[in-house]
Amino acid sequence: MTMVTASFTGFIRTILIIIAVYYLLRFLMRLFAPILVQQMVKKAEQNFNNMNQQYNQQAQQQQYQSQRQQETTKEVPKEKKKVGEYIDFEELD
């Protein structure tokens, strides 16, 4: 088995590649980060609006149901039982 030794030029080359990739990623993030953040904000706003709309619809439905329930209880009065005719009796002596 032979041992492979690292050369100084290979080491320098690797360091330069790492630095180049770092600066390239940094440059690309400066270009695309505002676009990505803007898309995320739009998506969050859309989700918020959808949730708010659903909440408002549910609140309106509950309010409508409670109004209907109150109307039905107000419209139907309880009927009194009719036992029969009232007959006035007079006492005979």
PDB file of N, CA and C in Angstrom:
ATOM      1  N   MET A   1       0.830  -1.174   0.000  1.00  0.00           N
ATOM      2  CA  MET A   1       0.000   0.000   0.000  1.00  0.00           C
ATOM      3  C   MET A   1       0.874   1.237   0.000  1.00  0.00           C
ATOM      4  N   THR A   2       0.467   2.124  -0.836  1.00  0.00           N
ATOM      5  CA  THR A   2       1.211   3.374  -0.856  1.00  0.00           C
ATOM      6  C   THR A   2       0.352   4.463  -0.252  1.00  0.00           C
ATOM      7  N   MET A   3       1.002   5.322   0.414  1.00  0.00           N
ATOM      8  CA  MET A   3       0.302   6.421   1.070  1.00  0.00           C
ATOM      9  C   MET A   3       0.276   7.618   0.134  1.00  0.00           C
ATOM     10  N   VAL A   4      -0.925   8.199  -0.043  1.00  0.00           N
ATOM     11  CA  VAL A   4      -1.074   9.348  -0.907  1.00  0.00           C
ATOM     12  C   VAL A   4      -0.936  10.585  -0.045  1.00  0.00           C
ATOM     13  N   THR A   5      -0.060  11.466  -0.423  1.00  0.00           N
ATOM     14  CA  THR A   5       0.131  12.692   0.343  1.00  0.00           C
ATOM     15  C   THR A   5      -0.515  13.852  -0.409  1.00  0.00           C
ATOM     16  N   ALA A   6      -1.033  14.784   0.352  1.00  0.00           N
ATOM     17  CA  ALA A   6      -1.671  15.954  -0.221  1.00  0.00           C
ATOM     18  C   ALA A   6      -0.622  16.965  -0.611  1.00  0.00           C
ATOM     19  N   SER A   7      -0.826  17.575  -1.771  1.00  0.00           N
ATOM     20  CA  SER A   7       0.130  18.571  -2.210  1.00  0.00           C
ATOM     21  C   SER A   7      -0.338  19.955  -1.763  1.00  0.00           C
ATOM     22  N   PHE A   8       0.591  20.850  -1.704  1.00  0.00           N
ATOM     23  CA  PHE A   8       0.276  22.212  -1.290  1.00  0.00           C
ATOM     24  C   PHE A   8      -0.617  22.900  -2.310  1.00  0.00           C
ATOM     25  N   THR A   9      -0.401  22.660  -3.587  1.00  0.00           N
ATOM     26  CA  THR A   9      -1.214  23.283  -4.624  1.00  0.00           C
ATOM     27  C   THR A   9      -2.649  22.750  -4.580  1.00  0.00           C
ATOM     28  N   GLY A  10      -2.825  21.480  -4.277  1.00  0.00           N
ATOM     29  CA  GLY A  10      -4.170  20.904  -4.150  1.00  0.00           C
ATOM     30  C   GLY A  10      -4.916  21.524  -2.976  1.00  0.00           C
ATOM     31  N   PHE A  11      -4.191  21.757  -1.883  1.00  0.00           N
ATOM     32  CA  PHE A  11      -4.790  22.382  -0.704  1.00  0.00           C
ATOM     33  C   PHE A  11      -5.250  23.814  -1.013  1.00  0.00           C
ATOM     34  N   ILE A  12      -4.386  24.579  -1.660  1.00  0.00           N
ATOM     35  CA  ILE A  12      -4.710  25.964  -2.025  1.00  0.00           C
ATOM     36  C   ILE A  12      -5.903  25.977  -2.990  1.00  0.00           C
ATOM     37  N   ARG A  13      -5.886  25.057  -3.941  1.00  0.00           N
ATOM     38  CA  ARG A  13      -6.975  24.979  -4.907  1.00  0.00           C
ATOM     39  C   ARG A  13      -8.303  24.691  -4.201  1.00  0.00           C
ATOM     40  N   THR A  14      -8.321  23.781  -3.249  1.00  0.00           N
ATOM     41  CA  THR A  14      -9.525  23.446  -2.497  1.00  0.00           C
ATOM     42  C   THR A  14     -10.030  24.644  -1.706  1.00  0.00           C
ATOM     43  N   ILE A  15      -9.130  25.347  -1.057  1.00  0.00           N
ATOM     44  CA  ILE A  15      -9.502  26.549  -0.292  1.00  0.00           C
ATOM     45  C   ILE A  15     -10.107  27.597  -1.219  1.00  0.00           C
ATOM     46  N   LEU A  16      -9.525  27.801  -2.394  1.00  0.00           N
ATOM     47  CA  LEU A  16     -10.048  28.789  -3.344  1.00  0.00           C
ATOM     48  C   LEU A  16     -11.441  28.384  -3.849  1.00  0.00           C
ATOM     49  N   ILE A  17     -11.664  27.097  -4.077  1.00  0.00           N
ATOM     50  CA  ILE A  17     -12.981  26.635  -4.521  1.00  0.00           C
ATOM     51  C   ILE A  17     -14.018  26.884  -3.428  1.00  0.00           C
ATOM     52  N   ILE A  18     -13.669  26.590  -2.184  1.00  0.00           N
ATOM     53  CA  ILE A  18     -14.590  26.819  -1.062  1.00  0.00           C
ATOM     54  C   ILE A  18     -14.941  28.304  -0.960  1.00  0.00           C
ATOM     55  N   ILE A  19     -13.948  29.171  -1.078  1.00  0.00           N
ATOM     56  CA  ILE A  19     -14.181  30.621  -0.998  1.00  0.00           C
ATOM     57  C   ILE A  19     -15.047  31.088  -2.172  1.00  0.00           C
ATOM     58  N   ALA A  20     -14.784  30.568  -3.376  1.00  0.00           N
ATOM     59  CA  ALA A  20     -15.559  30.957  -4.551  1.00  0.00           C
ATOM     60  C   ALA A  20     -17.022  30.527  -4.404  1.00  0.00           C
ATOM     61  N   VAL A  21     -17.264  29.321  -3.904  1.00  0.00           N
ATOM     62  CA  VAL A  21     -18.625  28.840  -3.705  1.00  0.00           C
ATOM     63  C   VAL A  21     -19.325  29.696  -2.650  1.00  0.00           C
ATOM     64  N   TYR A  22     -18.619  30.040  -1.579  1.00  0.00           N
ATOM     65  CA  TYR A  22     -19.197  30.883  -0.522  1.00  0.00           C
ATOM     66  C   TYR A  22     -19.650  32.228  -1.081  1.00  0.00           C
ATOM     67  N   TYR A  23     -18.772  32.902  -1.832  1.00  0.00           N
ATOM     68  CA  TYR A  23     -19.134  34.210  -2.383  1.00  0.00           C
ATOM     69  C   TYR A  23     -20.217  34.103  -3.456  1.00  0.00           C
ATOM     70  N   LEU A  24     -20.220  33.019  -4.231  1.00  0.00           N
ATOM     71  CA  LEU A  24     -21.257  32.821  -5.229  1.00  0.00           C
ATOM     72  C   LEU A  24     -22.624  32.640  -4.551  1.00  0.00           C
ATOM     73  N   LEU A  25     -22.674  31.818  -3.498  1.00  0.00           N
ATOM     74  CA  LEU A  25     -23.929  31.638  -2.765  1.00  0.00           C
ATOM     75  C   LEU A  25     -24.388  32.938  -2.116  1.00  0.00           C
ATOM     76  N   ARG A  26     -23.455  33.675  -1.578  1.00  0.00           N
ATOM     77  CA  ARG A  26     -23.788  34.952  -0.964  1.00  0.00           C
ATOM     78  C   ARG A  26     -24.370  35.928  -1.983  1.00  0.00           C
ATOM     79  N   PHE A  27     -23.768  35.979  -3.171  1.00  0.00           N
ATOM     80  CA  PHE A  27     -24.253  36.852  -4.240  1.00  0.00           C
ATOM     81  C   PHE A  27     -25.645  36.426  -4.694  1.00  0.00           C
ATOM     82  N   LEU A  28     -25.862  35.121  -4.873  1.00  0.00           N
ATOM     83  CA  LEU A  28     -27.168  34.624  -5.307  1.00  0.00           C
ATOM     84  C   LEU A  28     -28.242  34.883  -4.249  1.00  0.00           C
ATOM     85  N   MET A  29     -27.889  34.757  -2.995  1.00  0.00           N
ATOM     86  CA  MET A  29     -28.864  35.025  -1.931  1.00  0.00           C
ATOM     87  C   MET A  29     -29.255  36.498  -1.911  1.00  0.00           C
ATOM     88  N   ARG A  30     -28.314  37.378  -2.199  1.00  0.00           N
ATOM     89  CA  ARG A  30     -28.663  38.802  -2.268  1.00  0.00           C
ATOM     90  C   ARG A  30     -29.624  39.091  -3.414  1.00  0.00           C
ATOM     91  N   LEU A  31     -29.502  38.326  -4.487  1.00  0.00           N
ATOM     92  CA  LEU A  31     -30.405  38.518  -5.618  1.00  0.00           C
ATOM     93  C   LEU A  31     -31.782  37.916  -5.347  1.00  0.00           C
ATOM     94  N   PHE A  32     -31.814  36.692  -4.825  1.00  0.00           N
ATOM     95  CA  PHE A  32     -33.070  35.959  -4.730  1.00  0.00           C
ATOM     96  C   PHE A  32     -33.766  36.049  -3.373  1.00  0.00           C
ATOM     97  N   ALA A  33     -33.082  36.470  -2.337  1.00  0.00           N
ATOM     98  CA  ALA A  33     -33.714  36.541  -1.016  1.00  0.00           C
ATOM     99  C   ALA A  33     -34.903  37.500  -0.991  1.00  0.00           C
ATOM    100  N   PRO A  34     -34.805  38.713  -1.556  1.00  0.00           N
ATOM    101  CA  PRO A  34     -35.981  39.603  -1.534  1.00  0.00           C
ATOM    102  C   PRO A  34     -37.182  39.011  -2.278  1.00  0.00           C
ATOM    103  N   ILE A  35     -36.918  38.317  -3.373  1.00  0.00           N
ATOM    104  CA  ILE A  35     -38.009  37.705  -4.137  1.00  0.00           C
ATOM    105  C   ILE A  35     -38.654  36.599  -3.315  1.00  0.00           C
ATOM    106  N   LEU A  36     -37.839  35.772  -2.665  1.00  0.00           N
ATOM    107  CA  LEU A  36     -38.364  34.684  -1.847  1.00  0.00           C
ATOM    108  C   LEU A  36     -39.161  35.213  -0.659  1.00  0.00           C
ATOM    109  N   VAL A  37     -38.644  36.242  -0.027  1.00  0.00           N
ATOM    110  CA  VAL A  37     -39.345  36.827   1.124  1.00  0.00           C
ATOM    111  C   VAL A  37     -40.671  37.439   0.674  1.00  0.00           C
ATOM    112  N   GLN A  38     -40.665  38.100  -0.459  1.00  0.00           N
ATOM    113  CA  GLN A  38     -41.890  38.709  -0.983  1.00  0.00           C
ATOM    114  C   GLN A  38     -42.934  37.633  -1.278  1.00  0.00           C
ATOM    115  N   GLN A  39     -42.523  36.514  -1.855  1.00  0.00           N
ATOM    116  CA  GLN A  39     -43.446  35.415  -2.132  1.00  0.00           C
ATOM    117  C   GLN A  39     -44.009  34.825  -0.839  1.00  0.00           C
ATOM    118  N   MET A  40     -43.156  34.695   0.175  1.00  0.00           N
ATOM    119  CA  MET A  40     -43.617  34.162   1.461  1.00  0.00           C
ATOM    120  C   MET A  40     -44.617  35.106   2.119  1.00  0.00           C
ATOM    121  N   VAL A  41     -44.377  36.401   2.019  1.00  0.00           N
ATOM    122  CA  VAL A  41     -45.303  37.378   2.603  1.00  0.00           C
ATOM    123  C   VAL A  41     -46.644  37.344   1.872  1.00  0.00           C
ATOM    124  N   LYS A  42     -46.614  37.240   0.550  1.00  0.00           N
ATOM    125  CA  LYS A  42     -47.864  37.156  -0.216  1.00  0.00           C
ATOM    126  C   LYS A  42     -48.649  35.914   0.173  1.00  0.00           C
ATOM    127  N   LYS A  43     -47.953  34.795   0.323  1.00  0.00           N
ATOM    128  CA  LYS A  43     -48.613  33.538   0.679  1.00  0.00           C
ATOM    129  C   LYS A  43     -49.209  33.633   2.092  1.00  0.00           C
ATOM    130  N   ALA A  44     -48.473  34.224   3.015  1.00  0.00           N
ATOM    131  CA  ALA A  44     -48.980  34.384   4.382  1.00  0.00           C
ATOM    132  C   ALA A  44     -50.193  35.312   4.401  1.00  0.00           C
ATOM    133  N   GLU A  45     -50.155  36.373   3.622  1.00  0.00           N
ATOM    134  CA  GLU A  45     -51.290  37.299   3.541  1.00  0.00           C
ATOM    135  C   GLU A  45     -52.518  36.601   2.958  1.00  0.00           C
ATOM    136  N   GLN A  46     -52.295  35.797   1.937  1.00  0.00           N
ATOM    137  CA  GLN A  46     -53.398  35.059   1.323  1.00  0.00           C
ATOM    138  C   GLN A  46     -54.009  34.068   2.318  1.00  0.00           C
ATOM    139  N   ASN A  47     -53.161  33.358   3.059  1.00  0.00           N
ATOM    140  CA  ASN A  47     -53.662  32.423   4.076  1.00  0.00           C
ATOM    141  C   ASN A  47     -54.440  33.159   5.150  1.00  0.00           C
ATOM    142  N   PHE A  48     -53.932  34.310   5.577  1.00  0.00           N
ATOM    143  CA  PHE A  48     -54.624  35.102   6.595  1.00  0.00           C
ATOM    144  C   PHE A  48     -55.989  35.554   6.094  1.00  0.00           C
ATOM    145  N   ASN A  49     -56.045  36.029   4.856  1.00  0.00           N
ATOM    146  CA  ASN A  49     -57.324  36.479   4.294  1.00  0.00           C
ATOM    147  C   ASN A  49     -58.319  35.325   4.174  1.00  0.00           C
ATOM    148  N   ASN A  50     -57.830  34.148   3.762  1.00  0.00           N
ATOM    149  CA  ASN A  50     -58.715  32.984   3.666  1.00  0.00           C
ATOM    150  C   ASN A  50     -59.257  32.590   5.030  1.00  0.00           C
ATOM    151  N   MET A  51     -58.389  32.578   6.045  1.00  0.00           N
ATOM    152  CA  MET A  51     -58.834  32.217   7.388  1.00  0.00           C
ATOM    153  C   MET A  51     -59.819  33.241   7.925  1.00  0.00           C
ATOM    154  N   ASN A  52     -59.570  34.521   7.667  1.00  0.00           N
ATOM    155  CA  ASN A  52     -60.462  35.582   8.125  1.00  0.00           C
ATOM    156  C   ASN A  52     -61.818  35.464   7.439  1.00  0.00           C
ATOM    157  N   GLN A  53     -61.818  35.155   6.153  1.00  0.00           N
ATOM    158  CA  GLN A  53     -63.063  35.008   5.408  1.00  0.00           C
ATOM    159  C   GLN A  53     -63.861  33.811   5.949  1.00  0.00           C
ATOM    160  N   GLN A  54     -63.187  32.706   6.217  1.00  0.00           N
ATOM    161  CA  GLN A  54     -63.867  31.533   6.767  1.00  0.00           C
ATOM    162  C   GLN A  54     -64.449  31.840   8.144  1.00  0.00           C
ATOM    163  N   TYR A  55     -63.694  32.566   8.958  1.00  0.00           N
ATOM    164  CA  TYR A  55     -64.177  32.925  10.290  1.00  0.00           C
ATOM    165  C   TYR A  55     -65.428  33.806  10.183  1.00  0.00           C
ATOM    166  N   ASN A  56     -65.397  34.777   9.267  1.00  0.00           N
ATOM    167  CA  ASN A  56     -66.552  35.667   9.091  1.00  0.00           C
ATOM    168  C   ASN A  56     -67.774  34.896   8.608  1.00  0.00           C
ATOM    169  N   GLN A  57     -67.565  33.945   7.700  1.00  0.00           N
ATOM    170  CA  GLN A  57     -68.687  33.140   7.216  1.00  0.00           C
ATOM    171  C   GLN A  57     -69.284  32.308   8.343  1.00  0.00           C
ATOM    172  N   GLN A  58     -68.428  31.708   9.160  1.00  0.00           N
ATOM    173  CA  GLN A  58     -68.924  30.905  10.280  1.00  0.00           C
ATOM    174  C   GLN A  58     -69.670  31.779  11.279  1.00  0.00           C
ATOM    175  N   ALA A  59     -69.153  32.965  11.542  1.00  0.00           N
ATOM    176  CA  ALA A  59     -69.819  33.875  12.481  1.00  0.00           C
ATOM    177  C   ALA A  59     -71.175  34.297  11.941  1.00  0.00           C
ATOM    178  N   GLN A  60     -71.263  34.569  10.643  1.00  0.00           N
ATOM    179  CA  GLN A  60     -72.548  34.952  10.043  1.00  0.00           C
ATOM    180  C   GLN A  60     -73.538  33.796  10.102  1.00  0.00           C
ATOM    181  N   GLN A  61     -73.062  32.585   9.838  1.00  0.00           N
ATOM    182  CA  GLN A  61     -73.946  31.428   9.902  1.00  0.00           C
ATOM    183  C   GLN A  61     -74.470  31.220  11.316  1.00  0.00           C
ATOM    184  N   GLN A  62     -73.596  31.351  12.309  1.00  0.00           N
ATOM    185  CA  GLN A  62     -74.029  31.188  13.696  1.00  0.00           C
ATOM    186  C   GLN A  62     -75.020  32.278  14.078  1.00  0.00           C
ATOM    187  N   GLN A  63     -74.765  33.500  13.645  1.00  0.00           N
ATOM    188  CA  GLN A  63     -75.671  34.599  13.949  1.00  0.00           C
ATOM    189  C   GLN A  63     -77.021  34.367  13.279  1.00  0.00           C
ATOM    190  N   TYR A  64     -77.012  33.914  12.034  1.00  0.00           N
ATOM    191  CA  TYR A  64     -78.249  33.631  11.313  1.00  0.00           C
ATOM    192  C   TYR A  64     -79.019  32.505  12.009  1.00  0.00           C
ATOM    193  N   GLN A  65     -78.313  31.460  12.438  1.00  0.00           N
ATOM    194  CA  GLN A  65     -78.968  30.346  13.117  1.00  0.00           C
ATOM    195  C   GLN A  65     -79.565  30.784  14.443  1.00  0.00           C
ATOM    196  N   SER A  66     -78.843  31.613  15.183  1.00  0.00           N
ATOM    197  CA  SER A  66     -79.378  32.073  16.463  1.00  0.00           C
ATOM    198  C   SER A  66     -80.588  32.990  16.246  1.00  0.00           C
ATOM    199  N   GLN A  67     -80.570  33.810  15.195  1.00  0.00           N
ATOM    200  CA  GLN A  67     -81.728  34.654  14.894  1.00  0.00           C
ATOM    201  C   GLN A  67     -82.928  33.799  14.511  1.00  0.00           C
ATOM    202  N   ARG A  68     -82.695  32.768  13.697  1.00  0.00           N
ATOM    203  CA  ARG A  68     -83.782  31.877  13.303  1.00  0.00           C
ATOM    204  C   ARG A  68     -84.355  31.155  14.523  1.00  0.00           C
ATOM    205  N   GLN A  69     -83.475  30.766  15.415  1.00  0.00           N
ATOM    206  CA  GLN A  69     -83.919  30.069  16.617  1.00  0.00           C
ATOM    207  C   GLN A  69     -84.760  31.005  17.481  1.00  0.00           C
ATOM    208  N   GLN A  70     -84.350  32.247  17.611  1.00  0.00           N
ATOM    209  CA  GLN A  70     -85.112  33.212  18.398  1.00  0.00           C
ATOM    210  C   GLN A  70     -86.456  33.501  17.735  1.00  0.00           C
ATOM    211  N   GLU A  71     -86.467  33.591  16.404  1.00  0.00           N
ATOM    212  CA  GLU A  71     -87.710  33.855  15.698  1.00  0.00           C
ATOM    213  C   GLU A  71     -88.682  32.692  15.875  1.00  0.00           C
ATOM    214  N   THR A  72     -88.188  31.482  15.806  1.00  0.00           N
ATOM    215  CA  THR A  72     -89.096  30.333  15.936  1.00  0.00           C
ATOM    216  C   THR A  72     -89.641  30.239  17.351  1.00  0.00           C
ATOM    217  N   THR A  73     -88.845  30.587  18.339  1.00  0.00           N
ATOM    218  CA  THR A  73     -89.362  30.541  19.707  1.00  0.00           C
ATOM    219  C   THR A  73     -90.338  31.683  19.958  1.00  0.00           C
ATOM    220  N   LYS A  74     -90.177  32.811  19.314  1.00  0.00           N
ATOM    221  CA  LYS A  74     -91.089  33.937  19.489  1.00  0.00           C
ATOM    222  C   LYS A  74     -92.392  33.726  18.721  1.00  0.00           C
ATOM    223  N   GLU A  75     -92.326  33.110  17.568  1.00  0.00           N
ATOM    224  CA  GLU A  75     -93.494  32.960  16.715  1.00  0.00           C
ATOM    225  C   GLU A  75     -94.477  31.920  17.245  1.00  0.00           C
ATOM    226  N   VAL A  76     -93.995  30.922  17.919  1.00  0.00           N
ATOM    227  CA  VAL A  76     -94.871  29.839  18.348  1.00  0.00           C
ATOM    228  C   VAL A  76     -95.137  29.981  19.847  1.00  0.00           C
ATOM    229  N   PRO A  77     -96.258  30.640  20.196  1.00  0.00           N
ATOM    230  CA  PRO A  77     -96.571  30.729  21.629  1.00  0.00           C
ATOM    231  C   PRO A  77     -97.098  29.388  22.123  1.00  0.00           C
ATOM    232  N   LYS A  78     -96.908  29.143  23.390  1.00  0.00           N
ATOM    233  CA  LYS A  78     -97.395  27.894  23.966  1.00  0.00           C
ATOM    234  C   LYS A  78     -98.912  27.959  24.098  1.00  0.00           C
ATOM    235  N   GLU A  79     -99.549  26.913  23.634  1.00  0.00           N
ATOM    236  CA  GLU A  79    -101.009  26.871  23.706  1.00  0.00           C
ATOM    237  C   GLU A  79    -101.438  26.367  25.075  1.00  0.00           C
ATOM    238  N   LYS A  80    -102.511  26.947  25.578  1.00  0.00           N
ATOM    239  CA  LYS A  80    -103.055  26.499  26.857  1.00  0.00           C
ATOM    240  C   LYS A  80    -103.968  25.317  26.600  1.00  0.00           C
ATOM    241  N   LYS A  81    -103.970  24.432  27.536  1.00  0.00           N
ATOM    242  CA  LYS A  81    -104.833  23.257  27.386  1.00  0.00           C
ATOM    243  C   LYS A  81    -106.289  23.661  27.565  1.00  0.00           C
ATOM    244  N   LYS A  82    -107.115  23.163  26.685  1.00  0.00           N
ATOM    245  CA  LYS A  82    -108.553  23.383  26.817  1.00  0.00           C
ATOM    246  C   LYS A  82    -109.144  22.120  27.425  1.00  0.00           C
ATOM    247  N   VAL A  83    -109.605  22.270  28.647  1.00  0.00           N
ATOM    248  CA  VAL A  83    -110.129  21.113  29.348  1.00  0.00           C
ATOM    249  C   VAL A  83    -111.572  20.845  28.922  1.00  0.00           C
ATOM    250  N   GLY A  84    -112.302  21.842  28.735  1.00  0.00           N
ATOM    251  CA  GLY A  84    -113.704  21.673  28.342  1.00  0.00           C
ATOM    252  C   GLY A  84    -114.426  23.004  28.487  1.00  0.00           C
ATOM    253  N   GLU A  85    -115.750  22.958  28.395  1.00  0.00           N
ATOM    254  CA  GLU A  85    -116.529  24.182  28.533  1.00  0.00           C
ATOM    255  C   GLU A  85    -116.706  24.529  29.996  1.00  0.00           C
ATOM    256  N   TYR A  86    -116.820  25.792  30.263  1.00  0.00           N
ATOM    257  CA  TYR A  86    -117.063  26.249  31.628  1.00  0.00           C
ATOM    258  C   TYR A  86    -118.566  26.276  31.863  1.00  0.00           C
ATOM    259  N   ILE A  87    -118.956  25.596  32.886  1.00  0.00           N
ATOM    260  CA  ILE A  87    -120.385  25.538  33.210  1.00  0.00           C
ATOM    261  C   ILE A  87    -120.581  26.158  34.589  1.00  0.00           C
ATOM    262  N   ASP A  88    -121.470  27.087  34.643  1.00  0.00           N
ATOM    263  CA  ASP A  88    -121.761  27.758  35.922  1.00  0.00           C
ATOM    264  C   ASP A  88    -122.910  27.020  36.588  1.00  0.00           C
ATOM    265  N   PHE A  89    -122.597  26.444  37.732  1.00  0.00           N
ATOM    266  CA  PHE A  89    -123.624  25.706  38.480  1.00  0.00           C
ATOM    267  C   PHE A  89    -124.255  26.603  39.534  1.00  0.00           C
ATOM    268  N   GLU A  90    -125.531  26.438  39.705  1.00  0.00           N
ATOM    269  CA  GLU A  90    -126.225  27.141  40.765  1.00  0.00           C
ATOM    270  C   GLU A  90    -126.667  26.109  41.794  1.00  0.00           C
ATOM    271  N   GLU A  91    -126.586  26.532  43.031  1.00  0.00           N
ATOM    272  CA  GLU A  91    -127.012  25.627  44.094  1.00  0.00           C
ATOM    273  C   GLU A  91    -128.532  25.653  44.233  1.00  0.00           C
ATOM    274  N   LEU A  92    -129.099  24.526  44.430  1.00  0.00           N
ATOM    275  CA  LEU A  92    -130.546  24.428  44.683  1.00  0.00           C
ATOM    276  C   LEU A  92    -130.773  24.145  46.156  1.00  0.00           C
ATOM    277  N   ASP A  93    -131.678  24.864  46.757  1.00  0.00           N
ATOM    278  CA  ASP A  93    -131.976  24.640  48.193  1.00  0.00           C
ATOM    279  C   ASP A  93    -133.146  23.752  48.376  1.00  0.00           C
TER     280      ASP A  93
END
